[in-house]
Each structure stands twice: as structure tokens, then as C-alpha cells.
Amino acid sequence: MVSREIYVRIDAHQHFWDIGQFEYPWMPSGESVLRRNYLPGDLAPILEEHRFDGTVVVQANVVVEETWWLLGLASEFPIIRGVVAWADLTSPGLGSILDRCQKHPKFKGIRHIVHDEPDLQWLLRPDVIQGLQELARRGIPYDLLLRPPHLPLIVELAERVPGLKMVLDHIAKPLIASKVFEPWAADFEAISKVPGMHCKLSGMITEANHAAWSADDLRPYVQHALRCFGPDRLMFGSDWPVCRLAGSWKQVLAGFTQACGPLPQIEREKLLGGTAIQFYGLEA
């Protein structure tokens, strides 16, 4: 039997925020489990308990000040193996921002909250394409934060920005609570054929019934993702602390494991870290 010690486990998608420093317009108002600070000291014991070695922290805001804050946290806390930050893809100053980001060894990608843009075609705007071409030129990965109606855009996007490394966050947020499978499934399969496209098995329990979800609700979507992408292009992400709207970090991992079903150990370890290390170029 192969020793567990040869594997490195990475939570490929989670967030930190400080509500004293930044406003988060998407955050629920009033009483919410999300409306408090979530910092590396809160996550570190959870990762240790479940034998995870590190994490990729992903932007939660669309201000560049958060980018510098996250990179500062990455310098301070070894559990942060990578940062997927925000930058304005449409800005004439994008190059200088990316120059500064790329000086940090833990800067690993860019993301924008595309699904909140009122323009469904935002990703195909000429100024956005120009920004994404700059990412491709520099070899910087791009996290796609989408909903199912955006999926038909991605094949064209890949044709217009060849060489852009892309990963689909949260399997594009299918309507799990309503048990809606199409057209998500067909569109998802189509983009899985884009060369180099990756996907995160993350953010699923918050698309299910928050109060009554089970692994059975996730299973059809996870199994479809496994068929389309395979373990070499899929990675586990907790989406902590957003997941706390529907369950704990531990419950996310359990639901993921049960929805995946029996897998060879080497395939499971790819999902739990190997793919993220390869895609983002993390130090193992």
C-alpha cells in the first residue's frame, strides 16, 4: 500500500475577510453566520484536524486593496499556499497591477465575480478579452465564477483567448436544490472539452437546500463532473466560510467524499490536492 505521507492535501477554494477593513456588498445583511471576520487562525485548526496541508484563498471583493491584504496574509501564514486575487481586467493599468502581484511567490491567479455582472455577455466584451489575453500572455490562471447561463460563452472565450488557463469554480452553480440537470449538464460537458479546462468540486452545498441537503443531492452533479473531467482536471474546494450557510467544513468534505463514491487512492488524492498543485503551480 502507498503511504499517505507522499500526498499533499490542499483545499483549493476558500476565503478570508475582515469586515472592519472592507465592505462586502454580496454579504447578507443583519444576522448572518457570514457577518464576522474569518481569518487564517480560524481555518488552521480545521485543516490540521482533517490532515490538510494548506489552502488556496480566493478573492471575496472587487477592490485591489483586498489583493494586497490577501498577499500580506500569505506572507504571514504558511497554510496559505496560493492566492487567487482580484484585478480590474478592463483597466489600462492592469499590467502594472499584475507586475506587482507576480513579485509575490504565492500569487497564483485572478478572479472576477462574473455572475454578479448585469451583462450576461460580460466575459466576451472587447476590454475584458484584452485583459484576459494579458493573463494568458503571462501564464496567469483565471478562475471562472459563473452560473449555468454563462456556460455557453466559454467555448467562444477559449477560442478568443487561446492558451488561457481556466478553472470553473463551483461547477458553475447548477440548481441543485431544484434538482435541475439540463441544460447545465450538456453545457458543462461541452466546456470540459476545452483544452486545459479544469473545474472545482466546490460551492455545492450552498446551491442545495441549506437545511436539508444530503450527499444524494450532490451525487448526480459530482458524478457528471467526474465523467466529463476526470480526477486530473478536478479539485476539491470547501468554499469555507461561505459553506457555513449550509454546513461545516467537515460536512462539505464528507458530502464530497460520499458523492464521489469509491475511487482508487491515487485518484482521490488528485482531487484532494494533486490537481490543485499542478494547476496553480503550488509548492508541494
C-alpha atoms as a PDB file:
ATOM      1  CA  MET A   1       0.000   0.000   0.000  1.00  0.00           C
ATOM      2  CA  VAL A   2       1.255   3.504  -0.860  1.00  0.00           C
ATOM      3  CA  SER A   3       1.916   5.662   2.198  1.00  0.00           C
ATOM      4  CA  ARG A   4      -0.395   8.645   2.806  1.00  0.00           C
ATOM      5  CA  GLU A   5       2.692  10.724   3.599  1.00  0.00           C
ATOM      6  CA  ILE A   6       3.607  11.080  -0.085  1.00  0.00           C
ATOM      7  CA  TYR A   7       0.431  13.091  -0.707  1.00  0.00           C
ATOM      8  CA  VAL A   8      -0.199  16.778  -0.064  1.00  0.00           C
ATOM      9  CA  ARG A   9      -3.791  17.795   0.540  1.00  0.00           C
ATOM     10  CA  ILE A  10      -4.988  21.247  -0.478  1.00  0.00           C
ATOM     11  CA  ASP A  11      -8.325  22.983  -0.010  1.00  0.00           C
ATOM     12  CA  ALA A  12      -8.401  24.578  -3.453  1.00  0.00           C
ATOM     13  CA  HIS A  13     -11.072  27.179  -2.720  1.00  0.00           C
ATOM     14  CA  GLN A  14     -11.850  29.178   0.405  1.00  0.00           C
ATOM     15  CA  HIS A  15     -12.000  32.791   1.553  1.00  0.00           C
ATOM     16  CA  PHE A  16     -10.810  35.149   4.267  1.00  0.00           C
ATOM     17  CA  TRP A  17     -12.349  38.502   5.023  1.00  0.00           C
ATOM     18  CA  ASP A  18     -12.225  41.335   7.516  1.00  0.00           C
ATOM     19  CA  ILE A  19     -15.474  43.267   7.755  1.00  0.00           C
ATOM     20  CA  GLY A  20     -13.702  46.023   9.675  1.00  0.00           C
ATOM     21  CA  GLN A  21     -11.428  46.749   6.708  1.00  0.00           C
ATOM     22  CA  PHE A  22     -13.663  46.108   3.708  1.00  0.00           C
ATOM     23  CA  GLU A  23     -17.297  46.259   2.666  1.00  0.00           C
ATOM     24  CA  TYR A  24     -18.642  43.065   1.066  1.00  0.00           C
ATOM     25  CA  PRO A  25     -21.762  44.062  -0.905  1.00  0.00           C
ATOM     26  CA  TRP A  26     -22.786  40.439  -1.549  1.00  0.00           C
ATOM     27  CA  MET A  27     -22.820  39.548   2.157  1.00  0.00           C
ATOM     28  CA  PRO A  28     -26.269  39.013   3.756  1.00  0.00           C
ATOM     29  CA  SER A  29     -27.373  41.949   5.896  1.00  0.00           C
ATOM     30  CA  GLY A  30     -28.439  41.634   9.515  1.00  0.00           C
ATOM     31  CA  GLU A  31     -27.844  38.436  11.450  1.00  0.00           C
ATOM     32  CA  SER A  32     -25.772  36.031   9.372  1.00  0.00           C
ATOM     33  CA  VAL A  33     -23.146  33.430  10.146  1.00  0.00           C
ATOM     34  CA  LEU A  34     -21.031  35.139   7.490  1.00  0.00           C
ATOM     35  CA  ARG A  35     -21.084  38.619   9.035  1.00  0.00           C
ATOM     36  CA  ARG A  36     -17.940  38.291  11.146  1.00  0.00           C
ATOM     37  CA  ASN A  37     -14.230  38.129  10.437  1.00  0.00           C
ATOM     38  CA  TYR A  38     -12.795  34.899   9.027  1.00  0.00           C
ATOM     39  CA  LEU A  39      -9.015  34.739   9.176  1.00  0.00           C
ATOM     40  CA  PRO A  40      -6.259  32.120   8.851  1.00  0.00           C
ATOM     41  CA  GLY A  41      -6.272  31.413  12.574  1.00  0.00           C
ATOM     42  CA  ASP A  42      -9.883  30.265  12.274  1.00  0.00           C
ATOM     43  CA  LEU A  43      -9.163  27.825   9.451  1.00  0.00           C
ATOM     44  CA  ALA A  44      -5.791  26.422  10.504  1.00  0.00           C
ATOM     45  CA  PRO A  45      -7.123  24.054  13.223  1.00  0.00           C
ATOM     46  CA  ILE A  46      -9.807  22.745  10.848  1.00  0.00           C
ATOM     47  CA  LEU A  47      -7.213  21.898   8.200  1.00  0.00           C
ATOM     48  CA  GLU A  48      -4.984  20.269  10.792  1.00  0.00           C
ATOM     49  CA  GLU A  49      -7.838  18.166  12.169  1.00  0.00           C
ATOM     50  CA  HIS A  50      -8.576  16.792   8.709  1.00  0.00           C
ATOM     51  CA  ARG A  51      -4.927  16.374   7.685  1.00  0.00           C
ATOM     52  CA  PHE A  52      -4.961  19.075   5.036  1.00  0.00           C
ATOM     53  CA  ASP A  53      -1.643  20.768   4.399  1.00  0.00           C
ATOM     54  CA  GLY A  54      -2.734  24.103   3.000  1.00  0.00           C
ATOM     55  CA  THR A  55      -5.216  26.168   1.108  1.00  0.00           C
ATOM     56  CA  VAL A  56      -5.808  28.412  -1.891  1.00  0.00           C
ATOM     57  CA  VAL A  57      -7.523  31.590  -0.736  1.00  0.00           C
ATOM     58  CA  VAL A  58      -9.755  33.260  -3.327  1.00  0.00           C
ATOM     59  CA  GLN A  59     -10.824  36.892  -3.563  1.00  0.00           C
ATOM     60  CA  ALA A  60     -14.125  37.916  -1.992  1.00  0.00           C
ATOM     61  CA  ASN A  61     -14.084  41.567  -3.012  1.00  0.00           C
ATOM     62  CA  VAL A  62     -13.571  43.681  -6.120  1.00  0.00           C
ATOM     63  CA  VAL A  63     -11.122  46.217  -4.733  1.00  0.00           C
ATOM     64  CA  VAL A  64      -7.398  45.928  -5.324  1.00  0.00           C
ATOM     65  CA  GLU A  65      -6.713  46.756  -1.681  1.00  0.00           C
ATOM     66  CA  GLU A  66      -8.039  43.295  -0.826  1.00  0.00           C
ATOM     67  CA  THR A  67      -5.472  41.809  -3.222  1.00  0.00           C
ATOM     68  CA  TRP A  68      -2.591  43.359  -1.274  1.00  0.00           C
ATOM     69  CA  TRP A  69      -4.202  42.311   2.023  1.00  0.00           C
ATOM     70  CA  LEU A  70      -4.526  38.671   0.930  1.00  0.00           C
ATOM     71  CA  LEU A  71      -0.954  38.581  -0.340  1.00  0.00           C
ATOM     72  CA  GLY A  72       0.124  40.027   3.004  1.00  0.00           C
ATOM     73  CA  LEU A  73      -1.692  37.216   4.824  1.00  0.00           C
ATOM     74  CA  ALA A  74       0.015  34.719   2.517  1.00  0.00           C
ATOM     75  CA  SER A  75       3.405  36.072   3.561  1.00  0.00           C
ATOM     76  CA  GLU A  76       2.482  35.630   7.220  1.00  0.00           C
ATOM     77  CA  PHE A  77       0.655  32.272   7.264  1.00  0.00           C
ATOM     78  CA  PRO A  78       2.239  29.110   5.807  1.00  0.00           C
ATOM     79  CA  ILE A  79      -1.138  27.361   5.414  1.00  0.00           C
ATOM     80  CA  ILE A  80      -1.842  29.730   2.502  1.00  0.00           C
ATOM     81  CA  ARG A  81      -0.200  28.006  -0.457  1.00  0.00           C
ATOM     82  CA  GLY A  82      -1.722  30.271  -3.084  1.00  0.00           C
ATOM     83  CA  VAL A  83      -3.797  33.427  -3.607  1.00  0.00           C
ATOM     84  CA  VAL A  84      -6.336  33.934  -6.390  1.00  0.00           C
ATOM     85  CA  ALA A  85      -6.749  37.691  -6.292  1.00  0.00           C
ATOM     86  CA  TRP A  86      -8.841  40.360  -7.982  1.00  0.00           C
ATOM     87  CA  ALA A  87      -7.686  42.879 -10.548  1.00  0.00           C
ATOM     88  CA  ASP A  88      -9.689  45.056 -12.908  1.00  0.00           C
ATOM     89  CA  LEU A  89      -9.327  43.255 -16.232  1.00  0.00           C
ATOM     90  CA  THR A  90     -10.613  46.333 -18.074  1.00  0.00           C
ATOM     91  CA  SER A  91      -8.142  48.804 -16.538  1.00  0.00           C
ATOM     92  CA  PRO A  92      -5.374  50.404 -18.614  1.00  0.00           C
ATOM     93  CA  GLY A  93      -3.213  49.875 -15.514  1.00  0.00           C
ATOM     94  CA  LEU A  94      -3.745  46.100 -15.422  1.00  0.00           C
ATOM     95  CA  GLY A  95      -0.158  45.385 -16.444  1.00  0.00           C
ATOM     96  CA  SER A  96       1.344  47.287 -13.519  1.00  0.00           C
ATOM     97  CA  ILE A  97      -1.027  45.605 -11.067  1.00  0.00           C
ATOM     98  CA  LEU A  98      -0.049  42.181 -12.415  1.00  0.00           C
ATOM     99  CA  ASP A  99       3.636  43.134 -12.268  1.00  0.00           C
ATOM    100  CA  ARG A 100       3.253  43.800  -8.560  1.00  0.00           C
ATOM    101  CA  CYS A 101       1.218  40.633  -7.998  1.00  0.00           C
ATOM    102  CA  GLN A 102       3.740  38.450  -9.782  1.00  0.00           C
ATOM    103  CA  LYS A 103       6.522  39.577  -7.483  1.00  0.00           C
ATOM    104  CA  HIS A 104       4.802  37.600  -4.724  1.00  0.00           C
ATOM    105  CA  PRO A 105       5.594  33.858  -4.886  1.00  0.00           C
ATOM    106  CA  LYS A 106       2.130  32.875  -3.642  1.00  0.00           C
ATOM    107  CA  PHE A 107       0.184  34.853  -6.227  1.00  0.00           C
ATOM    108  CA  LYS A 108      -1.462  32.154  -8.354  1.00  0.00           C
ATOM    109  CA  GLY A 109      -4.387  33.608 -10.273  1.00  0.00           C
ATOM    110  CA  ILE A 110      -7.102  36.189 -10.902  1.00  0.00           C
ATOM    111  CA  ARG A 111     -10.873  36.003 -10.442  1.00  0.00           C
ATOM    112  CA  HIS A 112     -13.777  38.372 -11.058  1.00  0.00           C
ATOM    113  CA  ILE A 113     -17.338  37.949  -9.728  1.00  0.00           C
ATOM    114  CA  VAL A 114     -18.733  37.483 -13.231  1.00  0.00           C
ATOM    115  CA  HIS A 115     -22.118  36.128 -12.133  1.00  0.00           C
ATOM    116  CA  ASP A 116     -22.929  39.475 -10.499  1.00  0.00           C
ATOM    117  CA  GLU A 117     -22.349  41.450 -13.696  1.00  0.00           C
ATOM    118  CA  PRO A 118     -25.690  42.604 -15.183  1.00  0.00           C
ATOM    119  CA  ASP A 119     -24.336  41.999 -18.684  1.00  0.00           C
ATOM    120  CA  LEU A 120     -24.588  38.255 -19.389  1.00  0.00           C
ATOM    121  CA  GLN A 121     -22.023  38.714 -22.179  1.00  0.00           C
ATOM    122  CA  TRP A 122     -19.504  40.498 -19.931  1.00  0.00           C
ATOM    123  CA  LEU A 123     -16.790  37.881 -20.465  1.00  0.00           C
ATOM    124  CA  LEU A 124     -16.831  38.497 -24.221  1.00  0.00           C
ATOM    125  CA  ARG A 125     -16.570  42.291 -24.053  1.00  0.00           C
ATOM    126  CA  PRO A 126     -13.523  43.536 -26.017  1.00  0.00           C
ATOM    127  CA  ASP A 127     -11.959  45.230 -22.964  1.00  0.00           C
ATOM    128  CA  VAL A 128     -12.391  42.071 -20.871  1.00  0.00           C
ATOM    129  CA  ILE A 129     -10.945  39.910 -23.649  1.00  0.00           C
ATOM    130  CA  GLN A 130      -7.938  42.218 -23.802  1.00  0.00           C
ATOM    131  CA  GLY A 131      -7.406  41.777 -20.057  1.00  0.00           C
ATOM    132  CA  LEU A 132      -7.730  38.006 -20.290  1.00  0.00           C
ATOM    133  CA  GLN A 133      -5.236  37.984 -23.151  1.00  0.00           C
ATOM    134  CA  GLU A 134      -2.783  39.699 -20.825  1.00  0.00           C
ATOM    135  CA  LEU A 135      -3.318  36.917 -18.269  1.00  0.00           C
ATOM    136  CA  ALA A 136      -2.721  34.309 -20.973  1.00  0.00           C
ATOM    137  CA  ARG A 137       0.461  36.070 -22.113  1.00  0.00           C
ATOM    138  CA  ARG A 138       1.796  35.955 -18.562  1.00  0.00           C
ATOM    139  CA  GLY A 139       0.612  32.386 -17.875  1.00  0.00           C
ATOM    140  CA  ILE A 140      -1.678  33.521 -15.035  1.00  0.00           C
ATOM    141  CA  PRO A 141      -4.629  31.187 -14.323  1.00  0.00           C
ATOM    142  CA  TYR A 142      -8.170  32.561 -14.332  1.00  0.00           C
ATOM    143  CA  ASP A 143     -10.976  31.347 -12.057  1.00  0.00           C
ATOM    144  CA  LEU A 144     -14.404  31.410 -13.733  1.00  0.00           C
ATOM    145  CA  LEU A 145     -17.194  32.337 -11.307  1.00  0.00           C
ATOM    146  CA  LEU A 146     -20.330  31.665 -13.327  1.00  0.00           C
ATOM    147  CA  ARG A 147     -23.902  30.442 -13.290  1.00  0.00           C
ATOM    148  CA  PRO A 148     -25.355  27.978 -15.836  1.00  0.00           C
ATOM    149  CA  PRO A 149     -26.474  30.683 -18.334  1.00  0.00           C
ATOM    150  CA  HIS A 150     -22.832  31.756 -18.730  1.00  0.00           C
ATOM    151  CA  LEU A 151     -21.560  28.321 -19.736  1.00  0.00           C
ATOM    152  CA  PRO A 152     -22.345  28.663 -23.477  1.00  0.00           C
ATOM    153  CA  LEU A 153     -19.917  31.625 -23.619  1.00  0.00           C
ATOM    154  CA  ILE A 154     -16.877  29.649 -22.538  1.00  0.00           C
ATOM    155  CA  VAL A 155     -16.110  27.745 -25.731  1.00  0.00           C
ATOM    156  CA  GLU A 156     -16.032  31.044 -27.639  1.00  0.00           C
ATOM    157  CA  LEU A 157     -13.967  32.634 -24.863  1.00  0.00           C
ATOM    158  CA  ALA A 158     -11.399  29.853 -25.154  1.00  0.00           C
ATOM    159  CA  GLU A 159     -11.214  30.378 -28.914  1.00  0.00           C
ATOM    160  CA  ARG A 160     -10.709  34.127 -28.500  1.00  0.00           C
ATOM    161  CA  VAL A 161      -8.091  33.762 -25.745  1.00  0.00           C
ATOM    162  CA  PRO A 162      -6.090  30.673 -26.678  1.00  0.00           C
ATOM    163  CA  GLY A 163      -3.686  29.494 -24.017  1.00  0.00           C
ATOM    164  CA  LEU A 164      -5.628  30.976 -21.077  1.00  0.00           C
ATOM    165  CA  LYS A 165      -5.525  28.564 -18.134  1.00  0.00           C
ATOM    166  CA  MET A 166      -9.083  28.414 -16.766  1.00  0.00           C
ATOM    167  CA  VAL A 167     -10.767  26.663 -13.867  1.00  0.00           C
ATOM    168  CA  LEU A 168     -14.528  26.613 -13.362  1.00  0.00           C
ATOM    169  CA  ASP A 169     -15.495  27.442  -9.773  1.00  0.00           C
ATOM    170  CA  HIS A 170     -18.349  25.631  -8.008  1.00  0.00           C
ATOM    171  CA  ILE A 171     -19.182  23.504 -11.091  1.00  0.00           C
ATOM    172  CA  ALA A 172     -20.952  26.674 -12.374  1.00  0.00           C
ATOM    173  CA  LYS A 173     -23.570  26.628  -9.616  1.00  0.00           C
ATOM    174  CA  PRO A 174     -26.215  24.261 -11.016  1.00  0.00           C
ATOM    175  CA  LEU A 175     -29.689  24.453  -9.438  1.00  0.00           C
ATOM    176  CA  ILE A 176     -29.142  21.543  -7.056  1.00  0.00           C
ATOM    177  CA  ALA A 177     -31.962  22.485  -4.679  1.00  0.00           C
ATOM    178  CA  SER A 178     -34.443  22.279  -7.561  1.00  0.00           C
ATOM    179  CA  LYS A 179     -32.796  19.119  -8.986  1.00  0.00           C
ATOM    180  CA  VAL A 180     -32.368  20.851 -12.357  1.00  0.00           C
ATOM    181  CA  PHE A 181     -29.826  18.995 -14.516  1.00  0.00           C
ATOM    182  CA  GLU A 182     -30.247  20.419 -18.020  1.00  0.00           C
ATOM    183  CA  PRO A 183     -29.083  22.448 -19.817  1.00  0.00           C
ATOM    184  CA  TRP A 184     -26.297  22.677 -17.223  1.00  0.00           C
ATOM    185  CA  ALA A 185     -25.128  19.113 -17.869  1.00  0.00           C
ATOM    186  CA  ALA A 186     -24.830  19.463 -21.654  1.00  0.00           C
ATOM    187  CA  ASP A 187     -23.137  22.863 -21.470  1.00  0.00           C
ATOM    188  CA  PHE A 188     -20.812  21.614 -18.725  1.00  0.00           C
ATOM    189  CA  GLU A 189     -19.797  18.642 -20.864  1.00  0.00           C
ATOM    190  CA  ALA A 190     -19.123  20.937 -23.817  1.00  0.00           C
ATOM    191  CA  ILE A 191     -16.713  23.150 -21.885  1.00  0.00           C
ATOM    192  CA  SER A 192     -14.988  20.106 -20.384  1.00  0.00           C
ATOM    193  CA  LYS A 193     -13.655  19.535 -23.919  1.00  0.00           C
ATOM    194  CA  VAL A 194     -11.864  22.889 -23.944  1.00  0.00           C
ATOM    195  CA  PRO A 195      -8.136  22.046 -23.825  1.00  0.00           C
ATOM    196  CA  GLY A 196      -6.706  22.585 -20.362  1.00  0.00           C
ATOM    197  CA  MET A 197     -10.034  23.471 -18.717  1.00  0.00           C
ATOM    198  CA  HIS A 198     -10.219  22.493 -15.037  1.00  0.00           C
ATOM    199  CA  CYS A 199     -13.087  22.509 -12.517  1.00  0.00           C
ATOM    200  CA  LYS A 200     -13.541  22.805  -8.759  1.00  0.00           C
ATOM    201  CA  LEU A 201     -15.873  20.461  -6.907  1.00  0.00           C
ATOM    202  CA  SER A 202     -16.781  23.267  -4.540  1.00  0.00           C
ATOM    203  CA  GLY A 203     -19.651  25.507  -3.532  1.00  0.00           C
ATOM    204  CA  MET A 204     -22.253  22.769  -3.967  1.00  0.00           C
ATOM    205  CA  ILE A 205     -23.992  22.562  -0.604  1.00  0.00           C
ATOM    206  CA  THR A 206     -24.974  26.226  -0.787  1.00  0.00           C
ATOM    207  CA  GLU A 207     -26.699  25.509  -4.110  1.00  0.00           C
ATOM    208  CA  ALA A 208     -28.618  22.673  -2.422  1.00  0.00           C
ATOM    209  CA  ASN A 209     -31.337  23.003   0.223  1.00  0.00           C
ATOM    210  CA  HIS A 210     -29.420  24.667   3.060  1.00  0.00           C
ATOM    211  CA  ALA A 211     -31.447  22.989   5.777  1.00  0.00           C
ATOM    212  CA  ALA A 212     -31.937  19.520   4.318  1.00  0.00           C
ATOM    213  CA  TRP A 213     -29.252  18.643   1.756  1.00  0.00           C
ATOM    214  CA  SER A 214     -27.513  15.280   1.589  1.00  0.00           C
ATOM    215  CA  ALA A 215     -24.762  13.684  -0.484  1.00  0.00           C
ATOM    216  CA  ASP A 216     -27.519  12.105  -2.598  1.00  0.00           C
ATOM    217  CA  ASP A 217     -28.451  15.608  -3.813  1.00  0.00           C
ATOM    218  CA  LEU A 218     -24.865  16.297  -4.877  1.00  0.00           C
ATOM    219  CA  ARG A 219     -24.099  12.885  -6.374  1.00  0.00           C
ATOM    220  CA  PRO A 220     -25.602  13.320  -9.906  1.00  0.00           C
ATOM    221  CA  TYR A 221     -23.664  16.558 -10.411  1.00  0.00           C
ATOM    222  CA  VAL A 222     -20.407  15.224  -8.980  1.00  0.00           C
ATOM    223  CA  GLN A 223     -20.612  12.021 -10.985  1.00  0.00           C
ATOM    224  CA  HIS A 224     -21.232  14.010 -14.165  1.00  0.00           C
ATOM    225  CA  ALA A 225     -18.189  16.150 -13.372  1.00  0.00           C
ATOM    226  CA  LEU A 226     -16.079  13.039 -12.824  1.00  0.00           C
ATOM    227  CA  ARG A 227     -17.214  11.623 -16.171  1.00  0.00           C
ATOM    228  CA  CYS A 228     -16.527  14.865 -18.029  1.00  0.00           C
ATOM    229  CA  PHE A 229     -13.270  15.993 -16.448  1.00  0.00           C
ATOM    230  CA  GLY A 230     -11.729  13.054 -14.604  1.00  0.00           C
ATOM    231  CA  PRO A 231      -9.554  13.444 -11.492  1.00  0.00           C
ATOM    232  CA  ASP A 232      -6.649  15.027 -13.401  1.00  0.00           C
ATOM    233  CA  ARG A 233      -8.735  18.169 -14.006  1.00  0.00           C
ATOM    234  CA  LEU A 234     -10.900  18.286 -10.871  1.00  0.00           C
ATOM    235  CA  MET A 235     -10.081  19.621  -7.421  1.00  0.00           C
ATOM    236  CA  PHE A 236     -11.832  19.748  -4.047  1.00  0.00           C
ATOM    237  CA  GLY A 237     -12.671  23.104  -2.507  1.00  0.00           C
ATOM    238  CA  SER A 238     -14.582  23.765   0.696  1.00  0.00           C
ATOM    239  CA  ASP A 239     -15.809  27.284  -0.138  1.00  0.00           C
ATOM    240  CA  TRP A 240     -15.363  27.950   3.588  1.00  0.00           C
ATOM    241  CA  PRO A 241     -16.702  30.067   5.227  1.00  0.00           C
ATOM    242  CA  VAL A 242     -19.495  30.631   2.674  1.00  0.00           C
ATOM    243  CA  CYS A 243     -20.306  26.928   3.109  1.00  0.00           C
ATOM    244  CA  ARG A 244     -21.360  27.682   6.686  1.00  0.00           C
ATOM    245  CA  LEU A 245     -24.710  28.880   5.316  1.00  0.00           C
ATOM    246  CA  ALA A 246     -25.474  25.176   4.795  1.00  0.00           C
ATOM    247  CA  GLY A 247     -22.871  23.192   6.728  1.00  0.00           C
ATOM    248  CA  SER A 248     -19.432  22.989   8.287  1.00  0.00           C
ATOM    249  CA  TRP A 249     -16.089  22.418   6.562  1.00  0.00           C
ATOM    250  CA  LYS A 250     -16.234  18.823   7.827  1.00  0.00           C
ATOM    251  CA  GLN A 251     -19.709  18.312   6.355  1.00  0.00           C
ATOM    252  CA  VAL A 252     -18.526  19.668   2.992  1.00  0.00           C
ATOM    253  CA  LEU A 253     -15.678  17.147   2.912  1.00  0.00           C
ATOM    254  CA  ALA A 254     -17.990  14.309   3.951  1.00  0.00           C
ATOM    255  CA  GLY A 255     -20.576  15.226   1.309  1.00  0.00           C
ATOM    256  CA  PHE A 256     -17.871  15.448  -1.350  1.00  0.00           C
ATOM    257  CA  THR A 257     -16.430  12.058  -0.368  1.00  0.00           C
ATOM    258  CA  GLN A 258     -19.815  10.340  -0.378  1.00  0.00           C
ATOM    259  CA  ALA A 259     -20.872  11.963  -3.658  1.00  0.00           C
ATOM    260  CA  CYS A 260     -17.647  10.825  -5.342  1.00  0.00           C
ATOM    261  CA  GLY A 261     -18.115   7.261  -4.135  1.00  0.00           C
ATOM    262  CA  PRO A 262     -15.338   4.639  -4.151  1.00  0.00           C
ATOM    263  CA  LEU A 263     -12.233   5.777  -6.018  1.00  0.00           C
ATOM    264  CA  PRO A 264      -8.679   4.450  -6.257  1.00  0.00           C
ATOM    265  CA  GLN A 265      -6.496   6.204  -3.702  1.00  0.00           C
ATOM    266  CA  ILE A 266      -4.350   7.911  -6.316  1.00  0.00           C
ATOM    267  CA  GLU A 267      -7.446   9.427  -7.982  1.00  0.00           C
ATOM    268  CA  ARG A 268      -8.869  10.581  -4.646  1.00  0.00           C
ATOM    269  CA  GLU A 269      -5.579  12.247  -3.735  1.00  0.00           C
ATOM    270  CA  LYS A 270      -5.544  14.086  -7.066  1.00  0.00           C
ATOM    271  CA  LEU A 271      -8.961  15.517  -6.197  1.00  0.00           C
ATOM    272  CA  LEU A 272      -7.792  16.372  -2.680  1.00  0.00           C
ATOM    273  CA  GLY A 273      -4.630  18.204  -3.651  1.00  0.00           C
ATOM    274  CA  GLY A 274      -2.676  16.842  -6.586  1.00  0.00           C
ATOM    275  CA  THR A 275      -4.685  18.612  -9.276  1.00  0.00           C
ATOM    276  CA  ALA A 276      -4.621  21.941  -7.420  1.00  0.00           C
ATOM    277  CA  ILE A 277      -0.846  21.726  -7.024  1.00  0.00           C
ATOM    278  CA  GLN A 278      -0.447  21.041 -10.737  1.00  0.00           C
ATOM    279  CA  PHE A 279      -2.911  23.673 -11.965  1.00  0.00           C
ATOM    280  CA  TYR A 280      -1.818  26.559  -9.756  1.00  0.00           C
ATOM    281  CA  GLY A 281       1.860  25.632  -9.597  1.00  0.00           C
ATOM    282  CA  LEU A 282       1.845  25.343  -5.810  1.00  0.00           C
ATOM    283  CA  GLU A 283       4.834  24.205  -3.811  1.00  0.00           C
ATOM    284  CA  ALA A 284       4.076  20.638  -2.703  1.00  0.00           C
END
